[in-house]
């Protein structure tokens, strides 16, 4: 298999598992807030939700690196040193994602959470600036679809930040569920939190499909 074909396959797999994993996370979260289920059933749904949540996080952390390598392979030039930064971003971000997932509850977990949040802010701000730079240099004049994909990725990361911001009550209530049964008020707060982030979740699904369309059709 050629290098470009391998990158294209990996790029498509990241898209598929990101979208599919995200749908699975949101679907299972509905069972966590269902007070008609027993505590054991809700906790099982929560464990499934948290396990599935790792998949889209991993895909997101690697997407920019794989996409950058694929863009270079098909002829889009990068500024000096830019590709090296893109290549390093993937393993570093992936390592942070895995550390957050498997070291949950550790004393250094709050620090990792802050690092993850600031990294995402850097991607949200840095990606559009990088697109503007490449456009001004003429490196994306023949790749308007690629510019749109990059801006779409930055927006996807922003949506994830908004979901995390609106999910606070859900996380707090789930922690209480782990300790014992929830009160009616706590369960309502969990359901409201889930409903609050639903538009952002659906928006992510739509933008992911749009990103896939841009990559396949490559409109000018």
N, C-alpha and C. Protein backbone atom coordinates (compact mmCIF):
# COMPACT_ATOMS: atom_id res chain seq x y z
N UNK A 1 0.85 -1.19 0.00
CA UNK A 1 0.00 0.00 0.00
C UNK A 1 0.89 1.25 0.00
N UNK A 2 0.58 2.19 -0.88
CA UNK A 2 1.35 3.42 -0.95
C UNK A 2 1.14 4.26 0.30
N UNK A 3 2.12 5.12 0.55
CA UNK A 3 2.10 6.00 1.72
C UNK A 3 0.84 6.87 1.74
N UNK A 4 0.51 7.46 0.59
CA UNK A 4 -0.67 8.33 0.51
C UNK A 4 -1.95 7.55 0.77
N UNK A 5 -2.03 6.34 0.22
CA UNK A 5 -3.21 5.50 0.42
C UNK A 5 -3.35 5.12 1.90
N UNK A 6 -2.22 4.85 2.54
CA UNK A 6 -2.25 4.49 3.96
C UNK A 6 -2.76 5.65 4.81
N UNK A 7 -2.28 6.86 4.50
CA UNK A 7 -2.73 8.04 5.23
C UNK A 7 -4.21 8.31 4.98
N UNK A 8 -4.65 8.11 3.73
CA UNK A 8 -6.07 8.30 3.41
C UNK A 8 -6.94 7.32 4.18
N UNK A 9 -6.52 6.07 4.24
CA UNK A 9 -7.27 5.06 4.99
C UNK A 9 -7.32 5.42 6.47
N UNK A 10 -6.20 5.83 7.03
CA UNK A 10 -6.16 6.20 8.45
C UNK A 10 -7.05 7.41 8.71
N UNK A 11 -7.02 8.36 7.79
CA UNK A 11 -7.86 9.56 7.91
C UNK A 11 -9.35 9.19 7.93
N UNK A 12 -9.74 8.27 7.06
CA UNK A 12 -11.13 7.83 7.00
C UNK A 12 -11.52 7.06 8.26
N UNK A 13 -10.61 6.21 8.75
CA UNK A 13 -10.90 5.45 9.96
C UNK A 13 -11.07 6.38 11.16
N UNK A 14 -10.26 7.41 11.25
CA UNK A 14 -10.40 8.38 12.34
C UNK A 14 -11.77 9.06 12.27
N UNK A 15 -12.21 9.40 11.07
CA UNK A 15 -13.53 10.01 10.91
C UNK A 15 -14.63 9.04 11.36
N UNK A 16 -14.55 7.80 10.89
CA UNK A 16 -15.60 6.83 11.21
C UNK A 16 -15.70 6.56 12.70
N UNK A 17 -14.55 6.34 13.34
CA UNK A 17 -14.57 6.03 14.77
C UNK A 17 -14.90 7.26 15.62
N UNK A 18 -14.54 8.44 15.14
CA UNK A 18 -14.91 9.66 15.86
C UNK A 18 -16.43 9.81 15.87
N UNK A 19 -17.04 9.75 14.69
CA UNK A 19 -18.48 9.92 14.60
C UNK A 19 -19.22 8.78 15.30
N UNK A 20 -18.83 7.54 15.01
CA UNK A 20 -19.51 6.40 15.62
C UNK A 20 -19.34 6.37 17.13
N UNK A 21 -18.13 6.63 17.60
CA UNK A 21 -17.89 6.65 19.04
C UNK A 21 -18.68 7.75 19.74
N UNK A 22 -18.76 8.91 19.10
CA UNK A 22 -19.49 10.03 19.70
C UNK A 22 -20.98 9.73 19.80
N UNK A 23 -21.53 9.10 18.78
CA UNK A 23 -22.94 8.70 18.82
C UNK A 23 -23.16 7.70 19.95
N UNK A 24 -22.24 6.75 20.10
CA UNK A 24 -22.37 5.76 21.17
C UNK A 24 -22.31 6.39 22.55
N UNK A 25 -21.44 7.37 22.73
CA UNK A 25 -21.33 8.06 24.02
C UNK A 25 -22.63 8.76 24.37
N UNK A 26 -23.19 9.48 23.39
CA UNK A 26 -24.40 10.23 23.69
C UNK A 26 -25.59 9.30 23.90
N UNK A 27 -25.65 8.23 23.14
CA UNK A 27 -26.75 7.27 23.30
C UNK A 27 -26.71 6.64 24.69
N UNK A 28 -25.54 6.21 25.12
CA UNK A 28 -25.44 5.56 26.43
C UNK A 28 -25.68 6.54 27.57
N UNK A 29 -25.38 7.83 27.36
CA UNK A 29 -25.61 8.82 28.42
C UNK A 29 -27.10 8.94 28.74
N UNK A 30 -27.96 8.65 27.77
CA UNK A 30 -29.39 8.71 28.02
C UNK A 30 -29.85 7.70 29.06
N UNK A 31 -29.18 6.56 29.12
CA UNK A 31 -29.52 5.56 30.13
C UNK A 31 -29.02 5.95 31.52
N UNK A 32 -27.95 6.73 31.55
CA UNK A 32 -27.41 7.17 32.84
C UNK A 32 -28.40 8.09 33.56
N UNK A 33 -29.14 8.90 32.80
CA UNK A 33 -30.06 9.85 33.42
C UNK A 33 -31.47 9.28 33.58
N UNK A 34 -31.68 8.05 33.16
CA UNK A 34 -33.01 7.43 33.23
C UNK A 34 -33.26 6.88 34.64
N UNK A 35 -34.04 7.61 35.43
CA UNK A 35 -34.27 7.19 36.82
C UNK A 35 -35.23 6.01 36.94
N UNK A 36 -35.75 5.52 35.81
CA UNK A 36 -36.57 4.31 35.85
C UNK A 36 -35.72 3.05 35.95
N UNK A 37 -34.42 3.21 35.66
CA UNK A 37 -33.50 2.08 35.74
C UNK A 37 -32.93 1.98 37.15
N UNK A 38 -32.43 0.82 37.48
CA UNK A 38 -31.79 0.63 38.79
C UNK A 38 -30.44 1.34 38.80
N UNK A 39 -29.93 1.53 40.01
CA UNK A 39 -28.62 2.19 40.14
C UNK A 39 -27.55 1.38 39.43
N UNK A 40 -27.58 0.06 39.54
CA UNK A 40 -26.59 -0.79 38.90
C UNK A 40 -26.64 -0.67 37.38
N UNK A 41 -27.86 -0.60 36.83
CA UNK A 41 -28.01 -0.45 35.38
C UNK A 41 -27.48 0.90 34.92
N UNK A 42 -27.75 1.93 35.68
CA UNK A 42 -27.27 3.27 35.31
C UNK A 42 -25.76 3.36 35.40
N UNK A 43 -25.19 2.73 36.40
CA UNK A 43 -23.73 2.74 36.54
C UNK A 43 -23.08 1.95 35.41
N UNK A 44 -23.70 0.85 35.00
CA UNK A 44 -23.17 0.09 33.88
C UNK A 44 -23.19 0.93 32.60
N UNK A 45 -24.30 1.66 32.39
CA UNK A 45 -24.37 2.56 31.23
C UNK A 45 -23.30 3.64 31.33
N UNK A 46 -23.04 4.12 32.54
CA UNK A 46 -22.01 5.13 32.73
C UNK A 46 -20.63 4.59 32.41
N UNK A 47 -20.36 3.36 32.81
CA UNK A 47 -19.06 2.77 32.50
C UNK A 47 -18.88 2.58 31.00
N UNK A 48 -19.95 2.18 30.33
CA UNK A 48 -19.91 2.05 28.86
C UNK A 48 -19.66 3.41 28.23
N UNK A 49 -20.36 4.42 28.73
CA UNK A 49 -20.22 5.78 28.20
C UNK A 49 -18.78 6.27 28.33
N UNK A 50 -18.20 6.09 29.52
CA UNK A 50 -16.84 6.57 29.75
C UNK A 50 -15.81 5.81 28.93
N UNK A 51 -16.03 4.50 28.75
CA UNK A 51 -15.11 3.71 27.93
C UNK A 51 -15.19 4.13 26.47
N UNK A 52 -16.40 4.34 25.96
CA UNK A 52 -16.58 4.76 24.57
C UNK A 52 -16.02 6.16 24.34
N UNK A 53 -16.08 7.00 25.36
CA UNK A 53 -15.66 8.39 25.21
C UNK A 53 -14.19 8.50 24.83
N UNK A 54 -13.41 7.49 25.15
CA UNK A 54 -11.99 7.52 24.80
C UNK A 54 -11.80 7.49 23.28
N UNK A 55 -12.69 6.82 22.56
CA UNK A 55 -12.51 6.63 21.12
C UNK A 55 -12.54 7.96 20.36
N UNK A 56 -13.59 8.79 20.48
CA UNK A 56 -13.57 10.06 19.75
C UNK A 56 -12.46 11.00 20.22
N UNK A 57 -12.08 10.92 21.49
CA UNK A 57 -10.98 11.75 21.98
C UNK A 57 -9.66 11.37 21.30
N UNK A 58 -9.42 10.08 21.16
CA UNK A 58 -8.21 9.61 20.48
C UNK A 58 -8.23 10.05 19.02
N UNK A 59 -9.37 9.88 18.36
CA UNK A 59 -9.48 10.26 16.95
C UNK A 59 -9.24 11.75 16.76
N UNK A 60 -9.81 12.57 17.63
CA UNK A 60 -9.62 14.01 17.52
C UNK A 60 -8.16 14.39 17.70
N UNK A 61 -7.49 13.75 18.65
CA UNK A 61 -6.10 14.11 18.93
C UNK A 61 -5.17 13.79 17.76
N UNK A 62 -5.51 12.81 16.95
CA UNK A 62 -4.65 12.40 15.85
C UNK A 62 -5.07 12.98 14.51
N UNK A 63 -6.26 13.53 14.42
CA UNK A 63 -6.82 13.94 13.14
C UNK A 63 -5.98 15.03 12.46
N UNK A 64 -5.55 16.03 13.22
CA UNK A 64 -4.81 17.14 12.62
C UNK A 64 -3.45 16.67 12.10
N UNK A 65 -2.82 15.78 12.84
CA UNK A 65 -1.52 15.26 12.42
C UNK A 65 -1.64 14.41 11.15
N UNK A 66 -2.59 13.49 11.15
CA UNK A 66 -2.78 12.65 9.97
C UNK A 66 -3.21 13.50 8.78
N UNK A 67 -4.11 14.46 9.01
CA UNK A 67 -4.55 15.34 7.93
C UNK A 67 -3.41 16.18 7.38
N UNK A 68 -2.55 16.67 8.27
CA UNK A 68 -1.41 17.47 7.82
C UNK A 68 -0.44 16.67 6.98
N UNK A 69 -0.17 15.44 7.40
CA UNK A 69 0.71 14.56 6.63
C UNK A 69 0.10 14.21 5.28
N UNK A 70 -1.21 13.98 5.27
CA UNK A 70 -1.89 13.65 4.01
C UNK A 70 -1.88 14.84 3.07
N UNK A 71 -2.11 16.04 3.61
CA UNK A 71 -2.06 17.24 2.77
C UNK A 71 -0.68 17.42 2.14
N UNK A 72 0.37 17.18 2.92
CA UNK A 72 1.72 17.28 2.38
C UNK A 72 1.96 16.21 1.32
N UNK A 73 1.42 15.02 1.53
CA UNK A 73 1.64 13.91 0.59
C UNK A 73 0.99 14.17 -0.76
N UNK A 74 -0.13 14.92 -0.77
CA UNK A 74 -0.82 15.17 -2.04
C UNK A 74 -0.40 16.50 -2.67
N UNK A 75 0.58 17.19 -2.06
CA UNK A 75 1.15 18.34 -2.74
C UNK A 75 0.96 19.69 -2.11
N UNK A 76 0.31 19.77 -0.95
CA UNK A 76 0.14 21.07 -0.29
C UNK A 76 1.37 21.36 0.58
N UNK A 77 1.98 22.51 0.33
CA UNK A 77 3.21 22.86 1.03
C UNK A 77 2.91 23.40 2.43
N UNK A 78 3.82 23.15 3.35
CA UNK A 78 3.76 23.71 4.69
C UNK A 78 4.87 24.74 4.86
N UNK A 79 4.63 25.68 5.74
CA UNK A 79 5.68 26.64 6.06
C UNK A 79 6.83 25.92 6.76
N UNK A 80 8.04 26.48 6.70
CA UNK A 80 9.19 25.83 7.36
C UNK A 80 8.91 25.58 8.85
N UNK A 81 9.09 24.35 9.25
CA UNK A 81 8.89 23.98 10.65
C UNK A 81 7.45 23.65 11.02
N UNK A 82 6.51 24.02 10.15
CA UNK A 82 5.10 23.81 10.49
C UNK A 82 4.74 22.34 10.52
N UNK A 83 5.24 21.58 9.56
CA UNK A 83 4.90 20.16 9.52
C UNK A 83 5.46 19.43 10.75
N UNK A 84 6.64 19.85 11.20
CA UNK A 84 7.23 19.23 12.38
C UNK A 84 6.34 19.44 13.61
N UNK A 85 5.78 20.65 13.73
CA UNK A 85 4.87 20.95 14.84
C UNK A 85 3.62 20.09 14.74
N UNK A 86 3.10 19.94 13.52
CA UNK A 86 1.89 19.13 13.31
C UNK A 86 2.16 17.67 13.66
N UNK A 87 3.32 17.17 13.27
CA UNK A 87 3.66 15.77 13.54
C UNK A 87 3.81 15.54 15.04
N UNK A 88 4.41 16.49 15.75
CA UNK A 88 4.59 16.35 17.19
C UNK A 88 3.28 16.50 17.95
N UNK A 89 2.35 17.27 17.40
CA UNK A 89 1.09 17.53 18.09
C UNK A 89 0.32 16.24 18.38
N UNK A 90 0.25 15.34 17.39
CA UNK A 90 -0.54 14.12 17.54
C UNK A 90 -0.11 13.26 18.71
N UNK A 91 1.16 12.83 18.77
CA UNK A 91 1.58 11.99 19.90
C UNK A 91 1.45 12.69 21.25
N UNK A 92 1.76 13.98 21.29
CA UNK A 92 1.65 14.71 22.56
C UNK A 92 0.20 14.80 23.03
N UNK A 93 -0.70 15.13 22.11
CA UNK A 93 -2.12 15.24 22.45
C UNK A 93 -2.69 13.87 22.81
N UNK A 94 -2.30 12.86 22.05
CA UNK A 94 -2.76 11.50 22.34
C UNK A 94 -2.29 11.05 23.72
N UNK A 95 -1.04 11.33 24.05
CA UNK A 95 -0.53 10.97 25.36
C UNK A 95 -1.30 11.65 26.48
N UNK A 96 -1.67 12.90 26.27
CA UNK A 96 -2.45 13.63 27.26
C UNK A 96 -3.84 13.04 27.42
N UNK A 97 -4.46 12.68 26.29
CA UNK A 97 -5.79 12.06 26.32
C UNK A 97 -5.76 10.74 27.09
N UNK A 98 -4.76 9.92 26.82
CA UNK A 98 -4.66 8.63 27.48
C UNK A 98 -4.37 8.80 28.98
N UNK A 99 -3.52 9.76 29.31
CA UNK A 99 -3.21 10.01 30.72
C UNK A 99 -4.45 10.45 31.47
N UNK A 100 -5.26 11.31 30.85
CA UNK A 100 -6.49 11.77 31.49
C UNK A 100 -7.47 10.63 31.70
N UNK A 101 -7.51 9.73 30.74
CA UNK A 101 -8.47 8.63 30.82
C UNK A 101 -8.07 7.59 31.88
N UNK A 102 -6.82 7.22 31.90
CA UNK A 102 -6.39 6.12 32.77
C UNK A 102 -5.90 6.58 34.14
N UNK A 103 -5.63 7.88 34.29
CA UNK A 103 -5.17 8.40 35.58
C UNK A 103 -6.28 9.19 36.26
N UNK A 104 -7.53 8.89 35.94
CA UNK A 104 -8.64 9.62 36.51
C UNK A 104 -8.65 9.46 38.04
N UNK A 105 -8.73 10.60 38.72
CA UNK A 105 -8.75 10.57 40.18
C UNK A 105 -7.38 10.73 40.81
N UNK A 106 -6.32 10.70 39.99
CA UNK A 106 -4.97 10.88 40.52
C UNK A 106 -4.76 12.32 40.96
N UNK A 107 -3.75 12.53 41.79
CA UNK A 107 -3.52 13.85 42.36
C UNK A 107 -3.16 14.87 41.28
N UNK A 108 -2.54 14.42 40.19
CA UNK A 108 -2.14 15.34 39.12
C UNK A 108 -3.20 15.48 38.03
N UNK A 109 -4.35 14.83 38.22
CA UNK A 109 -5.40 14.88 37.20
C UNK A 109 -5.90 16.30 36.91
N UNK A 110 -6.12 17.15 37.94
CA UNK A 110 -6.55 18.53 37.65
C UNK A 110 -5.56 19.29 36.76
N UNK A 111 -4.26 19.05 36.96
CA UNK A 111 -3.26 19.71 36.12
C UNK A 111 -3.36 19.23 34.67
N UNK A 112 -3.55 17.93 34.49
CA UNK A 112 -3.71 17.39 33.14
C UNK A 112 -4.96 17.94 32.47
N UNK A 113 -6.02 18.10 33.25
CA UNK A 113 -7.26 18.66 32.71
C UNK A 113 -7.05 20.08 32.21
N UNK A 114 -6.31 20.87 32.98
CA UNK A 114 -6.01 22.24 32.55
C UNK A 114 -5.15 22.25 31.29
N UNK A 115 -4.15 21.37 31.24
CA UNK A 115 -3.30 21.29 30.05
C UNK A 115 -4.12 20.92 28.82
N UNK A 116 -5.02 19.97 28.99
CA UNK A 116 -5.87 19.55 27.88
C UNK A 116 -6.76 20.69 27.41
N UNK A 117 -7.32 21.44 28.37
CA UNK A 117 -8.19 22.55 28.01
C UNK A 117 -7.43 23.64 27.26
N UNK A 118 -6.24 23.98 27.74
CA UNK A 118 -5.46 25.04 27.09
C UNK A 118 -4.92 24.58 25.74
N UNK A 119 -4.63 23.30 25.60
CA UNK A 119 -4.22 22.79 24.30
C UNK A 119 -5.36 22.93 23.29
N UNK A 120 -6.57 22.63 23.74
CA UNK A 120 -7.72 22.77 22.84
C UNK A 120 -7.96 24.23 22.45
N UNK A 121 -7.81 25.13 23.41
CA UNK A 121 -7.93 26.56 23.09
C UNK A 121 -6.87 26.97 22.08
N UNK A 122 -5.66 26.45 22.24
CA UNK A 122 -4.58 26.77 21.30
C UNK A 122 -4.91 26.29 19.89
N UNK A 123 -5.52 25.10 19.79
CA UNK A 123 -5.92 24.58 18.48
C UNK A 123 -7.04 25.41 17.88
N UNK A 124 -8.01 25.81 18.71
CA UNK A 124 -9.14 26.61 18.23
C UNK A 124 -8.66 27.95 17.68
N UNK A 125 -7.69 28.55 18.33
CA UNK A 125 -7.17 29.85 17.89
C UNK A 125 -6.10 29.68 16.82
N UNK A 126 -5.19 28.72 17.03
CA UNK A 126 -4.05 28.57 16.14
C UNK A 126 -4.39 28.05 14.75
N UNK A 127 -5.38 27.18 14.64
CA UNK A 127 -5.73 26.62 13.34
C UNK A 127 -6.23 27.68 12.36
N UNK A 128 -7.20 28.55 12.74
CA UNK A 128 -7.61 29.61 11.80
C UNK A 128 -6.47 30.56 11.45
N UNK A 129 -5.58 30.85 12.42
CA UNK A 129 -4.44 31.71 12.12
C UNK A 129 -3.52 31.05 11.12
N UNK A 130 -3.33 29.73 11.26
CA UNK A 130 -2.50 29.00 10.32
C UNK A 130 -3.11 28.99 8.92
N UNK A 131 -4.44 28.85 8.87
CA UNK A 131 -5.14 28.88 7.58
C UNK A 131 -4.98 30.25 6.92
N UNK A 132 -5.14 31.31 7.70
CA UNK A 132 -4.98 32.67 7.16
C UNK A 132 -3.57 32.89 6.65
N UNK A 133 -2.58 32.38 7.37
CA UNK A 133 -1.18 32.49 6.95
C UNK A 133 -0.96 31.78 5.63
N UNK A 134 -1.45 30.53 5.55
CA UNK A 134 -1.27 29.75 4.32
C UNK A 134 -2.01 30.39 3.15
N UNK A 135 -3.17 30.93 3.41
CA UNK A 135 -3.94 31.58 2.35
C UNK A 135 -3.23 32.83 1.84
N UNK A 136 -2.68 33.60 2.76
CA UNK A 136 -1.96 34.82 2.39
C UNK A 136 -0.70 34.50 1.60
N UNK A 137 -0.06 33.37 1.92
CA UNK A 137 1.14 32.94 1.19
C UNK A 137 0.84 32.27 -0.14
N UNK A 138 -0.44 31.99 -0.39
CA UNK A 138 -0.83 31.34 -1.63
C UNK A 138 -0.77 29.83 -1.60
N UNK A 139 -0.49 29.25 -0.40
CA UNK A 139 -0.38 27.80 -0.32
C UNK A 139 -1.73 27.09 -0.34
N UNK A 140 -2.82 27.83 -0.11
CA UNK A 140 -4.15 27.22 -0.10
C UNK A 140 -5.07 27.79 -1.18
N UNK A 141 -4.51 28.53 -2.10
CA UNK A 141 -5.34 29.11 -3.16
C UNK A 141 -6.06 28.02 -3.95
N UNK A 142 -5.39 26.91 -4.19
CA UNK A 142 -6.00 25.79 -4.93
C UNK A 142 -6.62 24.76 -3.98
N UNK A 143 -6.73 25.12 -2.72
CA UNK A 143 -7.28 24.17 -1.75
C UNK A 143 -8.27 24.83 -0.81
N UNK A 144 -9.26 25.51 -1.40
CA UNK A 144 -10.27 26.15 -0.56
C UNK A 144 -11.02 25.12 0.29
N UNK A 145 -11.20 23.93 -0.26
CA UNK A 145 -11.89 22.86 0.49
C UNK A 145 -11.06 22.44 1.70
N UNK A 146 -9.72 22.45 1.54
CA UNK A 146 -8.85 22.09 2.66
C UNK A 146 -8.88 23.17 3.73
N UNK A 147 -8.91 24.43 3.30
CA UNK A 147 -9.03 25.53 4.26
C UNK A 147 -10.32 25.40 5.05
N UNK A 148 -11.41 25.05 4.35
CA UNK A 148 -12.70 24.87 5.02
C UNK A 148 -12.65 23.70 6.00
N UNK A 149 -11.97 22.63 5.63
CA UNK A 149 -11.84 21.47 6.53
C UNK A 149 -11.08 21.85 7.80
N UNK A 150 -10.03 22.61 7.65
CA UNK A 150 -9.23 23.01 8.82
C UNK A 150 -10.05 23.91 9.75
N UNK A 151 -10.78 24.84 9.16
CA UNK A 151 -11.64 25.71 9.98
C UNK A 151 -12.73 24.89 10.65
N UNK A 152 -13.24 23.88 9.93
CA UNK A 152 -14.24 22.99 10.52
C UNK A 152 -13.69 22.21 11.69
N UNK A 153 -12.44 21.78 11.58
CA UNK A 153 -11.83 21.05 12.69
C UNK A 153 -11.70 21.94 13.92
N UNK A 154 -11.27 23.17 13.72
CA UNK A 154 -11.17 24.11 14.84
C UNK A 154 -12.53 24.29 15.50
N UNK A 155 -13.58 24.35 14.68
CA UNK A 155 -14.93 24.51 15.23
C UNK A 155 -15.36 23.26 16.00
N UNK A 156 -14.96 22.08 15.54
CA UNK A 156 -15.28 20.85 16.26
C UNK A 156 -14.64 20.84 17.64
N UNK A 157 -13.39 21.29 17.73
CA UNK A 157 -12.72 21.36 19.03
C UNK A 157 -13.43 22.36 19.92
N UNK A 158 -13.87 23.49 19.33
CA UNK A 158 -14.62 24.49 20.10
C UNK A 158 -15.92 23.90 20.64
N UNK A 159 -16.62 23.12 19.81
CA UNK A 159 -17.85 22.47 20.26
C UNK A 159 -17.58 21.55 21.45
N UNK A 160 -16.46 20.84 21.39
CA UNK A 160 -16.10 19.97 22.51
C UNK A 160 -15.87 20.75 23.79
N UNK A 161 -15.28 21.93 23.67
CA UNK A 161 -15.09 22.78 24.85
C UNK A 161 -16.43 23.25 25.42
N UNK A 162 -17.36 23.57 24.54
CA UNK A 162 -18.68 24.01 25.00
C UNK A 162 -19.44 22.85 25.68
N UNK A 163 -19.27 21.64 25.16
CA UNK A 163 -19.89 20.48 25.79
C UNK A 163 -19.31 20.26 27.19
N UNK A 164 -18.00 20.35 27.29
CA UNK A 164 -17.36 20.17 28.60
C UNK A 164 -17.84 21.24 29.58
N UNK A 165 -18.01 22.45 29.08
CA UNK A 165 -18.46 23.55 29.95
C UNK A 165 -19.89 23.32 30.44
N UNK A 166 -20.75 22.77 29.58
CA UNK A 166 -22.14 22.58 29.96
C UNK A 166 -22.42 21.26 30.64
N UNK A 167 -21.39 20.42 30.78
CA UNK A 167 -21.57 19.07 31.31
C UNK A 167 -21.24 18.97 32.80
N UNK A 168 -20.99 20.11 33.43
CA UNK A 168 -20.55 20.10 34.82
C UNK A 168 -21.54 19.45 35.76
N UNK A 169 -22.82 19.79 35.63
CA UNK A 169 -23.84 19.22 36.51
C UNK A 169 -23.97 17.72 36.31
N UNK A 170 -23.82 17.27 35.07
CA UNK A 170 -23.89 15.84 34.78
C UNK A 170 -22.76 15.10 35.50
N UNK A 171 -21.54 15.65 35.41
CA UNK A 171 -20.40 14.99 36.03
C UNK A 171 -20.53 14.95 37.55
N UNK A 172 -21.02 16.05 38.12
CA UNK A 172 -21.20 16.11 39.57
C UNK A 172 -22.24 15.10 40.03
N UNK A 173 -23.36 15.05 39.31
CA UNK A 173 -24.43 14.12 39.68
C UNK A 173 -23.99 12.67 39.48
N UNK A 174 -23.21 12.41 38.45
CA UNK A 174 -22.74 11.03 38.22
C UNK A 174 -21.79 10.60 39.34
N UNK A 175 -20.97 11.53 39.81
CA UNK A 175 -20.09 11.22 40.94
C UNK A 175 -20.91 10.87 42.18
N UNK A 176 -22.03 11.58 42.37
CA UNK A 176 -22.91 11.26 43.50
C UNK A 176 -23.60 9.92 43.30
N UNK A 177 -23.91 9.60 42.05
CA UNK A 177 -24.52 8.31 41.75
C UNK A 177 -23.57 7.16 42.10
N UNK A 178 -22.29 7.39 41.90
CA UNK A 178 -21.30 6.37 42.26
C UNK A 178 -21.29 6.11 43.77
N UNK A 179 -21.59 7.15 44.54
CA UNK A 179 -21.58 7.03 45.99
C UNK A 179 -22.88 6.48 46.56
N UNK A 180 -23.97 6.70 45.84
CA UNK A 180 -25.27 6.24 46.31
C UNK A 180 -26.36 6.72 45.37
N UNK A 181 -27.61 6.50 45.74
CA UNK A 181 -28.73 6.91 44.89
C UNK A 181 -28.82 8.44 44.85
N UNK A 182 -29.27 8.94 43.70
CA UNK A 182 -29.44 10.39 43.52
C UNK A 182 -30.78 10.84 44.05
N UNK A 183 -30.81 12.10 44.48
CA UNK A 183 -32.09 12.72 44.80
C UNK A 183 -32.78 13.10 43.49
N UNK A 184 -34.05 13.39 43.59
CA UNK A 184 -34.81 13.78 42.39
C UNK A 184 -34.25 15.07 41.79
N UNK A 185 -33.81 15.99 42.65
CA UNK A 185 -33.26 17.25 42.17
C UNK A 185 -31.94 17.03 41.43
N UNK A 186 -31.10 16.15 41.99
CA UNK A 186 -29.82 15.87 41.34
C UNK A 186 -30.02 15.17 40.01
N UNK A 187 -30.98 14.27 39.95
CA UNK A 187 -31.25 13.58 38.70
C UNK A 187 -31.79 14.55 37.65
N UNK A 188 -32.62 15.48 38.07
CA UNK A 188 -33.14 16.49 37.15
C UNK A 188 -32.01 17.37 36.63
N UNK A 189 -31.07 17.73 37.52
CA UNK A 189 -29.93 18.54 37.09
C UNK A 189 -29.09 17.80 36.06
N UNK A 190 -28.94 16.49 36.24
CA UNK A 190 -28.19 15.68 35.28
C UNK A 190 -28.89 15.67 33.92
N UNK A 191 -30.20 15.49 33.93
CA UNK A 191 -30.96 15.46 32.68
C UNK A 191 -30.93 16.81 31.98
N UNK A 192 -31.03 17.89 32.75
CA UNK A 192 -30.98 19.24 32.17
C UNK A 192 -29.61 19.50 31.55
N UNK A 193 -28.55 19.04 32.23
CA UNK A 193 -27.21 19.21 31.69
C UNK A 193 -27.04 18.48 30.37
N UNK A 194 -27.59 17.27 30.29
CA UNK A 194 -27.51 16.50 29.05
C UNK A 194 -28.28 17.19 27.93
N UNK A 195 -29.45 17.72 28.25
CA UNK A 195 -30.24 18.43 27.24
C UNK A 195 -29.55 19.70 26.77
N UNK A 196 -28.81 20.34 27.69
CA UNK A 196 -28.13 21.60 27.37
C UNK A 196 -27.02 21.40 26.34
N UNK A 197 -26.35 20.26 26.41
CA UNK A 197 -25.23 20.04 25.48
C UNK A 197 -25.68 19.33 24.20
N UNK A 198 -26.93 18.86 24.15
CA UNK A 198 -27.39 18.11 22.99
C UNK A 198 -27.20 18.88 21.68
N UNK A 199 -27.53 20.19 21.60
CA UNK A 199 -27.32 20.90 20.32
C UNK A 199 -25.86 20.89 19.87
N UNK A 200 -24.94 21.01 20.81
CA UNK A 200 -23.52 20.98 20.45
C UNK A 200 -23.12 19.60 19.93
N UNK A 201 -23.68 18.56 20.53
CA UNK A 201 -23.37 17.19 20.10
C UNK A 201 -23.86 16.96 18.68
N UNK A 202 -25.10 17.33 18.41
CA UNK A 202 -25.66 17.16 17.07
C UNK A 202 -24.89 18.00 16.06
N UNK A 203 -24.46 19.18 16.48
CA UNK A 203 -23.66 20.04 15.59
C UNK A 203 -22.35 19.37 15.23
N UNK A 204 -21.73 18.70 16.18
CA UNK A 204 -20.49 17.97 15.90
C UNK A 204 -20.74 16.89 14.85
N UNK A 205 -21.84 16.15 14.99
CA UNK A 205 -22.13 15.11 14.00
C UNK A 205 -22.29 15.71 12.60
N UNK A 206 -23.01 16.82 12.52
CA UNK A 206 -23.23 17.46 11.23
C UNK A 206 -21.94 17.97 10.61
N UNK A 207 -21.10 18.61 11.41
CA UNK A 207 -19.83 19.15 10.90
C UNK A 207 -18.89 18.02 10.48
N UNK A 208 -18.90 16.91 11.21
CA UNK A 208 -18.07 15.77 10.82
C UNK A 208 -18.48 15.24 9.44
N UNK A 209 -19.77 15.14 9.21
CA UNK A 209 -20.25 14.69 7.89
C UNK A 209 -19.85 15.70 6.82
N UNK A 210 -19.97 16.99 7.13
CA UNK A 210 -19.55 18.02 6.18
C UNK A 210 -18.06 17.92 5.89
N UNK A 211 -17.26 17.66 6.91
CA UNK A 211 -15.82 17.50 6.72
C UNK A 211 -15.52 16.33 5.78
N UNK A 212 -16.23 15.23 5.97
CA UNK A 212 -16.05 14.07 5.10
C UNK A 212 -16.42 14.41 3.66
N UNK A 213 -17.52 15.13 3.49
CA UNK A 213 -17.96 15.53 2.15
C UNK A 213 -16.90 16.41 1.47
N UNK A 214 -16.35 17.35 2.20
CA UNK A 214 -15.32 18.24 1.66
C UNK A 214 -14.10 17.44 1.20
N UNK A 215 -13.72 16.45 2.01
CA UNK A 215 -12.56 15.65 1.65
C UNK A 215 -12.79 14.77 0.42
N UNK A 216 -14.02 14.28 0.25
CA UNK A 216 -14.32 13.40 -0.89
C UNK A 216 -14.54 14.20 -2.16
N UNK A 217 -15.35 15.27 -2.09
CA UNK A 217 -15.72 16.04 -3.29
C UNK A 217 -14.66 17.06 -3.64
N UNK A 218 -14.01 17.65 -2.63
CA UNK A 218 -13.00 18.69 -2.81
C UNK A 218 -13.50 19.82 -3.71
N UNK A 219 -14.61 20.46 -3.32
CA UNK A 219 -15.15 21.53 -4.16
C UNK A 219 -14.23 22.75 -4.16
N UNK A 220 -14.26 23.49 -5.25
CA UNK A 220 -13.41 24.69 -5.39
C UNK A 220 -14.26 25.94 -5.27
